[in-house]
C-alpha atoms as a PDB file:
ATOM      1  CA  MET A   1      98.066  76.280  92.661  1.00  0.00           C
ATOM      2  CA  LEU A   2      98.490  77.501  89.115  1.00  0.00           C
ATOM      3  CA  ILE A   3     101.938  76.883  87.678  1.00  0.00           C
ATOM      4  CA  MET A   4     102.792  79.046  84.700  1.00  0.00           C
ATOM      5  CA  PRO A   5     105.531  78.044  82.267  1.00  0.00           C
ATOM      6  CA  THR A   6     108.564  80.302  82.380  1.00  0.00           C
ATOM      7  CA  LYS A   7     108.136  81.671  78.849  1.00  0.00           C
ATOM      8  CA  GLU A   8     104.629  82.968  79.534  1.00  0.00           C
ATOM      9  CA  TYR A   9     105.643  84.305  82.931  1.00  0.00           C
ATOM     10  CA  THR A  10     108.511  86.338  81.505  1.00  0.00           C
ATOM     11  CA  ALA A  11     106.304  87.574  78.641  1.00  0.00           C
ATOM     12  CA  PHE A  12     103.633  88.742  81.101  1.00  0.00           C
ATOM     13  CA  SER A  13     106.242  90.330  83.358  1.00  0.00           C
ATOM     14  CA  ARG A  14     107.708  92.226  80.423  1.00  0.00           C
ATOM     15  CA  LEU A  15     104.243  93.351  79.329  1.00  0.00           C
ATOM     16  CA  ILE A  16     103.407  94.590  82.831  1.00  0.00           C
ATOM     17  CA  ASN A  17     106.718  96.454  83.122  1.00  0.00           C
ATOM     18  CA  ASP A  18     106.200  98.103  79.724  1.00  0.00           C
ATOM     19  CA  SER A  19     102.683  99.170  80.712  1.00  0.00           C
ATOM     20  CA  GLU A  20     103.954 100.674  83.974  1.00  0.00           C
ATOM     21  CA  LYS A  21     106.602 102.669  82.095  1.00  0.00           C
ATOM     22  CA  ILE A  22     103.965 104.052  79.719  1.00  0.00           C
ATOM     23  CA  ILE A  23     101.726 105.047  82.629  1.00  0.00           C
ATOM     24  CA  ARG A  24     104.622 106.800  84.422  1.00  0.00           C
ATOM     25  CA  LYS A  25     105.513 108.760  81.273  1.00  0.00           C
ATOM     26  CA  SER A  26     101.871 109.749  80.833  1.00  0.00           C
ATOM     27  CA  VAL A  27     101.693 111.040  84.406  1.00  0.00           C
ATOM     28  CA  LYS A  28     104.825 113.142  83.949  1.00  0.00           C
ATOM     29  CA  SER A  29     103.320 114.785  80.864  1.00  0.00           C
ATOM     30  CA  ASN A  30      99.973 115.530  82.578  1.00  0.00           C
ATOM     31  CA  ASP A  31      99.986 118.446  85.085  1.00  0.00           C
ATOM     32  CA  GLN A  32      96.784 117.355  86.807  1.00  0.00           C
ATOM     33  CA  ALA A  33      98.019 113.811  87.305  1.00  0.00           C
ATOM     34  CA  GLU A  34     101.320 115.087  88.736  1.00  0.00           C
ATOM     35  CA  ARG A  35      99.445 117.192  91.287  1.00  0.00           C
ATOM     36  CA  LEU A  36      97.210 114.234  92.149  1.00  0.00           C
ATOM     37  CA  MET A  37     100.303 112.173  92.946  1.00  0.00           C
ATOM     38  CA  SER A  38     100.690 114.349  96.066  1.00  0.00           C
ATOM     39  CA  VAL A  39      97.324 113.097  97.414  1.00  0.00           C
ATOM     40  CA  PRO A  40      97.899 110.346  99.994  1.00  0.00           C
ATOM     41  CA  GLY A  41      96.953 106.914  98.706  1.00  0.00           C
ATOM     42  CA  PHE A  42      97.341 107.825  95.032  1.00  0.00           C
ATOM     43  CA  SER A  43      99.791 106.061  92.728  1.00  0.00           C
ATOM     44  CA  TYR A  44     100.593 106.609  89.062  1.00  0.00           C
ATOM     45  CA  PHE A  45      97.598 104.657  87.803  1.00  0.00           C
ATOM     46  CA  SER A  46      95.059 106.168  90.188  1.00  0.00           C
ATOM     47  CA  ALA A  47      96.302 109.725  89.552  1.00  0.00           C
ATOM     48  CA  LEU A  48      96.128 109.256  85.785  1.00  0.00           C
ATOM     49  CA  LEU A  49      92.683 107.647  85.941  1.00  0.00           C
ATOM     50  CA  MET A  50      91.342 110.401  88.203  1.00  0.00           C
ATOM     51  CA  ALA A  51      92.777 113.144  85.969  1.00  0.00           C
ATOM     52  CA  ALA A  52      91.246 111.520  82.896  1.00  0.00           C
ATOM     53  CA  LYS A  53      87.819 111.092  84.483  1.00  0.00           C
ATOM     54  CA  ILE A  54      87.652 114.585  86.005  1.00  0.00           C
ATOM     55  CA  GLY A  55      89.014 116.327  82.933  1.00  0.00           C
ATOM     56  CA  ASP A  56      88.988 120.119  83.133  1.00  0.00           C
ATOM     57  CA  ILE A  57      88.234 121.085  86.745  1.00  0.00           C
ATOM     58  CA  SER A  58      86.672 124.393  85.668  1.00  0.00           C
ATOM     59  CA  ARG A  59      83.598 122.517  84.396  1.00  0.00           C
ATOM     60  CA  PHE A  60      82.653 121.948  88.040  1.00  0.00           C
ATOM     61  CA  PRO A  61      81.489 125.240  89.595  1.00  0.00           C
ATOM     62  CA  SER A  62      81.840 123.852  93.140  1.00  0.00           C
ATOM     63  CA  TYR A  63      83.196 120.861  95.012  1.00  0.00           C
ATOM     64  CA  ARG A  64      79.620 119.712  95.560  1.00  0.00           C
ATOM     65  CA  LYS A  65      79.162 119.214  91.826  1.00  0.00           C
ATOM     66  CA  LEU A  66      82.375 117.170  91.661  1.00  0.00           C
ATOM     67  CA  CYS A  67      81.272 115.039  94.614  1.00  0.00           C
ATOM     68  CA  ALA A  68      77.933 114.382  92.931  1.00  0.00           C
ATOM     69  CA  TYR A  69      79.723 113.498  89.678  1.00  0.00           C
ATOM     70  CA  GLY A  70      82.041 111.163  91.587  1.00  0.00           C
ATOM     71  CA  GLY A  71      79.144 109.445  93.324  1.00  0.00           C
ATOM     72  CA  VAL A  72      80.230 110.002  96.913  1.00  0.00           C
ATOM     73  CA  VAL A  73      77.111 111.869  98.060  1.00  0.00           C
ATOM     74  CA  SER A  74      73.744 110.470  98.968  1.00  0.00           C
ATOM     75  CA  PRO A  75      70.509 112.123  97.893  1.00  0.00           C
ATOM     76  CA  THR A  76      68.063 113.317 100.519  1.00  0.00           C
ATOM     77  CA  SER A  77      64.297 113.569 100.441  1.00  0.00           C
ATOM     78  CA  GLN A  78      62.642 116.163 102.669  1.00  0.00           C
ATOM     79  CA  SER A  79      59.066 116.902 103.473  1.00  0.00           C
ATOM     80  CA  ALA A  80      58.139 119.148 106.374  1.00  0.00           C
ATOM     81  CA  ASP A  81      59.998 117.831 109.433  1.00  0.00           C
ATOM     82  CA  LYS A  82      60.961 114.481 107.912  1.00  0.00           C
ATOM     83  CA  ARG A  83      64.278 113.929 106.212  1.00  0.00           C
ATOM     84  CA  HIS A  84      65.313 110.665 104.545  1.00  0.00           C
ATOM     85  CA  GLN A  85      68.923 109.971 103.631  1.00  0.00           C
ATOM     86  CA  ARG A  86      69.208 107.452 100.806  1.00  0.00           C
ATOM     87  CA  HIS A  87      72.075 105.302  99.551  1.00  0.00           C
ATOM     88  CA  ILE A  88      74.839 106.733  97.377  1.00  0.00           C
ATOM     89  CA  MET A  89      73.983 107.197  93.733  1.00  0.00           C
ATOM     90  CA  LYS A  90      75.084 104.312  91.539  1.00  0.00           C
ATOM     91  CA  ASP A  91      74.528 106.127  88.241  1.00  0.00           C
ATOM     92  CA  SER A  92      77.570 108.348  88.764  1.00  0.00           C
ATOM     93  CA  ASN A  93      81.161 107.849  87.688  1.00  0.00           C
ATOM     94  CA  LYS A  94      82.074 104.465  89.152  1.00  0.00           C
ATOM     95  CA  TYR A  95      85.785 104.817  88.379  1.00  0.00           C
ATOM     96  CA  ILE A  96      86.202 107.918  90.530  1.00  0.00           C
ATOM     97  CA  ARG A  97      84.373 106.230  93.416  1.00  0.00           C
ATOM     98  CA  TRP A  98      86.457 103.063  92.951  1.00  0.00           C
ATOM     99  CA  VAL A  99      89.795 104.937  92.948  1.00  0.00           C
ATOM    100  CA  LEU A 100      88.823 106.926  96.037  1.00  0.00           C
ATOM    101  CA  THR A 101      87.606 103.928  98.041  1.00  0.00           C
ATOM    102  CA  GLU A 102      90.784 102.042  97.166  1.00  0.00           C
ATOM    103  CA  ALA A 103      92.913 105.021  98.236  1.00  0.00           C
ATOM    104  CA  VAL A 104      91.166 105.591 101.580  1.00  0.00           C
ATOM    105  CA  PRO A 105      93.111 102.979 103.638  1.00  0.00           C
ATOM    106  CA  LYS A 106      96.490 104.379 102.535  1.00  0.00           C
ATOM    107  CA  ALA A 107      95.306 107.968 102.982  1.00  0.00           C
ATOM    108  CA  VAL A 108      94.034 107.206 106.477  1.00  0.00           C
ATOM    109  CA  ALA A 109      97.458 105.846 107.390  1.00  0.00           C
ATOM    110  CA  LYS A 110      99.219 108.999 106.132  1.00  0.00           C
ATOM    111  CA  ASP A 111      96.877 111.900 106.949  1.00  0.00           C
ATOM    112  CA  GLN A 112      96.092 112.398 110.638  1.00  0.00           C
ATOM    113  CA  ARG A 113      92.989 114.542 110.051  1.00  0.00           C
ATOM    114  CA  LEU A 114      91.473 111.974 107.721  1.00  0.00           C
ATOM    115  CA  LYS A 115      92.395 109.210 110.169  1.00  0.00           C
ATOM    116  CA  SER A 116      90.561 110.846 113.063  1.00  0.00           C
ATOM    117  CA  LEU A 117      87.465 111.452 110.904  1.00  0.00           C
ATOM    118  CA  TYR A 118      87.518 107.898 109.549  1.00  0.00           C
ATOM    119  CA  PHE A 119      87.816 106.126 112.904  1.00  0.00           C
ATOM    120  CA  LYS A 120      85.194 108.371 114.495  1.00  0.00           C
ATOM    121  CA  LEU A 121      82.750 107.432 111.732  1.00  0.00           C
ATOM    122  CA  VAL A 122      83.686 103.740 111.927  1.00  0.00           C
ATOM    123  CA  ARG A 123      82.606 103.755 115.574  1.00  0.00           C
ATOM    124  CA  GLU A 124      79.409 105.704 114.873  1.00  0.00           C
ATOM    125  CA  LYS A 125      78.189 104.435 111.490  1.00  0.00           C
ATOM    126  CA  GLY A 126      80.267 101.469 110.371  1.00  0.00           C
ATOM    127  CA  LYS A 127      83.204 100.826 108.087  1.00  0.00           C
ATOM    128  CA  THR A 128      81.468 101.186 104.705  1.00  0.00           C
ATOM    129  CA  LYS A 129      79.861 104.548 105.455  1.00  0.00           C
ATOM    130  CA  ALA A 130      83.104 105.799 106.988  1.00  0.00           C
ATOM    131  CA  LYS A 131      84.997 104.806 103.852  1.00  0.00           C
ATOM    132  CA  ILE A 132      82.591 106.724 101.600  1.00  0.00           C
ATOM    133  CA  ALA A 133      82.696 109.765 103.906  1.00  0.00           C
ATOM    134  CA  ALA A 134      86.504 109.749 103.868  1.00  0.00           C
ATOM    135  CA  ALA A 135      86.428 109.359 100.073  1.00  0.00           C
ATOM    136  CA  ARG A 136      84.195 112.423  99.882  1.00  0.00           C
ATOM    137  CA  LYS A 137      86.624 114.433 102.008  1.00  0.00           C
ATOM    138  CA  MET A 138      89.457 113.314  99.759  1.00  0.00           C
ATOM    139  CA  LEU A 139      87.501 114.390  96.672  1.00  0.00           C
ATOM    140  CA  ILE A 140      86.879 117.819  98.207  1.00  0.00           C
ATOM    141  CA  SER A 141      90.632 118.142  98.790  1.00  0.00           C
ATOM    142  CA  ILE A 142      91.290 116.968  95.220  1.00  0.00           C
ATOM    143  CA  TYR A 143      88.930 119.641  93.914  1.00  0.00           C
ATOM    144  CA  TYR A 144      90.935 122.384  95.635  1.00  0.00           C
ATOM    145  CA  VAL A 145      94.282 120.836  94.674  1.00  0.00           C
ATOM    146  CA  LEU A 146      93.286 120.965  91.013  1.00  0.00           C
ATOM    147  CA  LYS A 147      91.458 124.298  91.172  1.00  0.00           C
ATOM    148  CA  ASN A 148      94.261 126.135  92.998  1.00  0.00           C
ATOM    149  CA  ARG A 149      97.002 124.271  91.085  1.00  0.00           C
ATOM    150  CA  GLU A 150      98.891 123.299  94.215  1.00  0.00           C
ATOM    151  CA  GLU A 151     100.143 120.182  95.953  1.00  0.00           C
ATOM    152  CA  TYR A 152      98.090 118.364  98.580  1.00  0.00           C
ATOM    153  CA  SER A 153      98.821 119.818 101.976  1.00  0.00           C
ATOM    154  CA  PHE A 154      98.436 117.721 105.111  1.00  0.00           C
ATOM    155  CA  PHE A 155      98.193 120.492 107.704  1.00  0.00           C
ATOM    156  CA  SER A 156      96.965 123.607 105.901  1.00  0.00           C
ATOM    157  CA  GLY A 157      94.154 124.750 103.707  1.00  0.00           C
ATOM    158  CA  GLU A 158      91.382 126.311 105.772  1.00  0.00           C
ATOM    159  CA  PHE A 159      88.589 127.921 103.812  1.00  0.00           C
ATOM    160  CA  LYS A 160      87.901 131.608 104.164  1.00  0.00           C
ATOM    161  CA  SER A 161      84.151 130.987 104.322  1.00  0.00           C
ATOM    162  CA  LYS A 162      82.655 129.595 107.535  1.00  0.00           C
ATOM    163  CA  ARG A 163      80.058 127.744 105.486  1.00  0.00           C
ATOM    164  CA  CYS A 164      82.690 125.573 103.775  1.00  0.00           C
ATOM    165  CA  ASN A 165      84.710 124.853 106.928  1.00  0.00           C
ATOM    166  CA  ARG A 166      82.475 121.979 107.981  1.00  0.00           C
ATOM    167  CA  TYR A 167      83.043 120.210 104.668  1.00  0.00           C
ATOM    168  CA  TYR A 168      86.815 120.413 104.611  1.00  0.00           C
ATOM    169  CA  LEU A 169      89.400 118.859 106.866  1.00  0.00           C
ATOM    170  CA  LYS A 170      90.611 121.518 109.238  1.00  0.00           C
ATOM    171  CA  PRO A 171      94.313 121.923 110.049  1.00  0.00           C
ATOM    172  CA  MET A 172      95.550 120.080 113.100  1.00  0.00           C
ATOM    173  CA  THR A 173      96.400 122.030 116.206  1.00  0.00           C
ATOM    174  CA  ILE A 174      98.888 120.882 118.789  1.00  0.00           C
ATOM    175  CA  ALA A 175      98.296 122.157 122.338  1.00  0.00           C
ATOM    176  CA  GLY A 176      96.270 125.110 121.092  1.00  0.00           C
ATOM    177  CA  LYS A 177      98.862 126.254 118.567  1.00  0.00           C
ATOM    178  CA  PRO A 178      97.998 126.304 114.825  1.00  0.00           C
END
């Protein structure tokens, strides 16, 4: 066990507290980071890091481009009837992928739709692949939160296009009622 003298401990504690205050002030002055705070699993640091790494959301024409930039998609190779799914791309933005994979456990605990998707994929494909798939769904939601300039919504947000519905978490229904 490492025993730290009291002077160093208090100096480190003060330094950590000062850093946290600076991060909180930075989040309050950044509109994107404030909106990202509504995403389940995101704290001050993760929201600020994500806002800094994404930058202006209008530079991504679709959520697919953001997912590719964030490194939560896997490339596919196709030839005739054969299709090969490869591992996720490592030459993408590792910080976005790191923040998302760290946020997945908290998001799964808070968002019922994400929870059902995550545990279904854990049973079918394993924990690691389920975590990346949930991170991708979170990044799709983040794209629309930033693009539409709105807070994260747990039970709303269907797409108008049928094509996009399979990529986004659909609203929960209780006994057939929306």
